[in-house]
C-alpha atoms as a PDB file:
ATOM      1  CA  MET A   1       0.000   0.000   0.000  1.00  0.00           C
ATOM      2  CA  ASN A   2       1.258   3.494  -0.833  1.00  0.00           C
ATOM      3  CA  ASN A   3       1.895   5.947   1.940  1.00  0.00           C
ATOM      4  CA  ARG A   4       1.478   9.722   1.901  1.00  0.00           C
ATOM      5  CA  ASN A   5       5.216  10.317   1.285  1.00  0.00           C
ATOM      6  CA  GLN A   6       5.135   8.170  -1.860  1.00  0.00           C
ATOM      7  CA  VAL A   7       2.091  10.052  -3.164  1.00  0.00           C
ATOM      8  CA  GLU A   8       3.748  13.426  -2.543  1.00  0.00           C
ATOM      9  CA  ARG A   9       6.965  12.243  -4.227  1.00  0.00           C
ATOM     10  CA  ILE A  10       5.047  11.175  -7.358  1.00  0.00           C
ATOM     11  CA  LYS A  11       3.096  14.470  -7.379  1.00  0.00           C
ATOM     12  CA  ASN A  12       6.381  16.396  -7.193  1.00  0.00           C
ATOM     13  CA  MET A  13       7.984  14.294  -9.930  1.00  0.00           C
ATOM     14  CA  TYR A  14       4.986  14.608 -12.275  1.00  0.00           C
ATOM     15  CA  PRO A  15       3.203  17.907 -11.553  1.00  0.00           C
ATOM     16  CA  ILE A  16       0.050  18.896 -13.429  1.00  0.00           C
ATOM     17  CA  GLY A  17       1.020  20.034 -16.907  1.00  0.00           C
ATOM     18  CA  THR A  18       3.976  17.646 -17.276  1.00  0.00           C
ATOM     19  CA  ARG A  19       4.229  16.316 -20.835  1.00  0.00           C
ATOM     20  CA  ILE A  20       4.864  12.574 -21.130  1.00  0.00           C
ATOM     21  CA  GLU A  21       5.457  10.112 -23.965  1.00  0.00           C
ATOM     22  CA  LEU A  22       4.430   6.477 -23.575  1.00  0.00           C
ATOM     23  CA  LEU A  23       7.325   4.109 -24.338  1.00  0.00           C
ATOM     24  CA  SER A  24       5.450   0.798 -24.257  1.00  0.00           C
ATOM     25  CA  ALA A  25       1.836  -0.109 -24.943  1.00  0.00           C
ATOM     26  CA  MET A  26      -0.490  -0.398 -21.978  1.00  0.00           C
ATOM     27  CA  ASP A  27      -2.100  -3.756 -21.188  1.00  0.00           C
ATOM     28  CA  ASP A  28      -5.614  -2.274 -21.030  1.00  0.00           C
ATOM     29  CA  MET A  29      -7.923  -3.148 -23.964  1.00  0.00           C
ATOM     30  CA  GLN A  30      -8.553   0.558 -24.446  1.00  0.00           C
ATOM     31  CA  GLY A  31      -4.874   1.286 -23.968  1.00  0.00           C
ATOM     32  CA  VAL A  32      -2.776   4.020 -25.403  1.00  0.00           C
ATOM     33  CA  GLU A  33      -0.302   3.098 -28.124  1.00  0.00           C
ATOM     34  CA  ARG A  34       3.443   3.426 -27.792  1.00  0.00           C
ATOM     35  CA  GLY A  35       4.715   6.863 -28.784  1.00  0.00           C
ATOM     36  CA  THR A  36       1.512   8.652 -27.779  1.00  0.00           C
ATOM     37  CA  LYS A  37       2.075  11.913 -25.927  1.00  0.00           C
ATOM     38  CA  GLY A  38      -0.075  13.460 -23.249  1.00  0.00           C
ATOM     39  CA  THR A  39      -0.341  15.840 -20.318  1.00  0.00           C
ATOM     40  CA  VAL A  40      -0.553  15.026 -16.607  1.00  0.00           C
ATOM     41  CA  ILE A  41      -3.856  16.218 -15.126  1.00  0.00           C
ATOM     42  CA  GLY A  42      -3.291  14.869 -11.598  1.00  0.00           C
ATOM     43  CA  VAL A  43      -1.999  12.143  -9.296  1.00  0.00           C
ATOM     44  CA  ASP A  44      -4.377  10.252  -7.017  1.00  0.00           C
ATOM     45  CA  ASP A  45      -3.899   8.727  -3.556  1.00  0.00           C
ATOM     46  CA  ILE A  46      -2.706   5.391  -4.974  1.00  0.00           C
ATOM     47  CA  CYS A  47      -0.018   7.084  -7.135  1.00  0.00           C
ATOM     48  CA  THR A  48      -1.816   6.685 -10.468  1.00  0.00           C
ATOM     49  CA  ILE A  49      -0.745   9.483 -12.806  1.00  0.00           C
ATOM     50  CA  HIS A  50      -3.917  10.638 -14.541  1.00  0.00           C
ATOM     51  CA  MET A  51      -3.363  11.692 -18.135  1.00  0.00           C
ATOM     52  CA  LYS A  52      -5.092  13.524 -20.937  1.00  0.00           C
ATOM     53  CA  TRP A  53      -3.566  11.831 -23.963  1.00  0.00           C
ATOM     54  CA  ASP A  54      -3.277  13.734 -27.243  1.00  0.00           C
ATOM     55  CA  ASN A  55      -5.408  11.033 -28.906  1.00  0.00           C
ATOM     56  CA  GLY A  56      -8.313  11.888 -26.587  1.00  0.00           C
ATOM     57  CA  ARG A  57      -7.976   8.992 -24.178  1.00  0.00           C
ATOM     58  CA  GLY A  58      -7.821   9.533 -20.447  1.00  0.00           C
ATOM     59  CA  LEU A  59      -6.182   6.397 -19.035  1.00  0.00           C
ATOM     60  CA  GLY A  60      -3.719   6.738 -16.147  1.00  0.00           C
ATOM     61  CA  LEU A  61      -0.121   5.602 -15.799  1.00  0.00           C
ATOM     62  CA  ILE A  62       1.164   3.403 -13.001  1.00  0.00           C
ATOM     63  CA  PRO A  63       4.781   4.249 -12.117  1.00  0.00           C
ATOM     64  CA  GLY A  64       6.900   1.109 -12.077  1.00  0.00           C
ATOM     65  CA  GLU A  65       4.494  -0.777 -14.359  1.00  0.00           C
ATOM     66  CA  ASP A  66       4.019   1.510 -17.357  1.00  0.00           C
ATOM     67  CA  LYS A  67       7.079   2.682 -19.275  1.00  0.00           C
ATOM     68  CA  PHE A  68       7.143   6.382 -20.161  1.00  0.00           C
ATOM     69  CA  LYS A  69       9.447   9.380 -20.345  1.00  0.00           C
ATOM     70  CA  VAL A  70       9.009  13.008 -19.352  1.00  0.00           C
ATOM     71  CA  LEU A  71       9.192  15.403 -22.292  1.00  0.00           C
ATOM     72  CA  SER A  72       8.816  18.613 -20.279  1.00  0.00           C
ATOM     73  CA  ARG A  73       7.606  19.916 -16.954  1.00  0.00           C
ATOM     74  CA  PRO A  74       5.456  23.026 -16.374  1.00  0.00           C
ATOM     75  CA  GLN A  75       8.356  25.032 -14.892  1.00  0.00           C
ATOM     76  CA  GLU A  76      10.495  24.300 -17.971  1.00  0.00           C
ATOM     77  CA  GLU A  77       7.708  25.531 -20.241  1.00  0.00           C
ATOM     78  CA  LEU A  78       7.284  28.681 -18.143  1.00  0.00           C
ATOM     79  CA  GLU A  79      11.009  29.418 -18.326  1.00  0.00           C
ATOM     80  CA  LYS A  80      11.033  28.938 -22.122  1.00  0.00           C
ATOM     81  CA  SER A  81       8.083  31.295 -22.437  1.00  0.00           C
ATOM     82  CA  GLU A  82       9.706  33.914 -20.178  1.00  0.00           C
ATOM     83  CA  ASN A  83      13.002  33.693 -22.092  1.00  0.00           C
ATOM     84  CA  HIS A  84      11.179  34.107 -25.394  1.00  0.00           C
ATOM     85  CA  ALA A  85       9.288  37.154 -24.086  1.00  0.00           C
ATOM     86  CA  LYS A  86      12.549  38.625 -22.791  1.00  0.00           C
ATOM     87  CA  GLU A  87      14.221  38.153 -26.190  1.00  0.00           C
ATOM     88  CA  GLN A  88      11.249  39.768 -27.902  1.00  0.00           C
ATOM     89  CA  SER A  89      11.367  42.810 -25.598  1.00  0.00           C
ATOM     90  CA  GLN A  90      15.107  43.177 -26.295  1.00  0.00           C
ATOM     91  CA  GLY A  91      14.475  43.180 -30.023  1.00  0.00           C
ATOM     92  CA  MET A  92      15.871  39.719 -30.633  1.00  0.00           C
ATOM     93  CA  GLY A  93      14.085  37.145 -32.739  1.00  0.00           C
ATOM     94  CA  GLY A  94      11.065  39.263 -33.582  1.00  0.00           C
ATOM     95  CA  MET A  95      10.000  41.113 -36.652  1.00  0.00           C
ATOM     96  CA  SER A  96       7.818  44.179 -36.686  1.00  0.00           C
ATOM     97  CA  LEU A  97       5.845  45.508 -39.598  1.00  0.00           C
END
């Protein structure tokens, strides 16, 4: 059985907004195919990572059973966005008409 520390660790590792790619097909009949990408929408009290897959499915991942990799985390996306905005304000990379 999972304890509260394990749940918090999984939530910290895979915060809402984390982008993930599935590396191996799920065993579920309505599974998600290998290579499908999706976004974390939450982690429950039994450590299931709930996903919104790009193909419209909503099946969760079970750490240690399902094989997947993190593509990006929300903080990384925020930093990219802030850096881009900073470059734009400094006149780099943008074009004005």
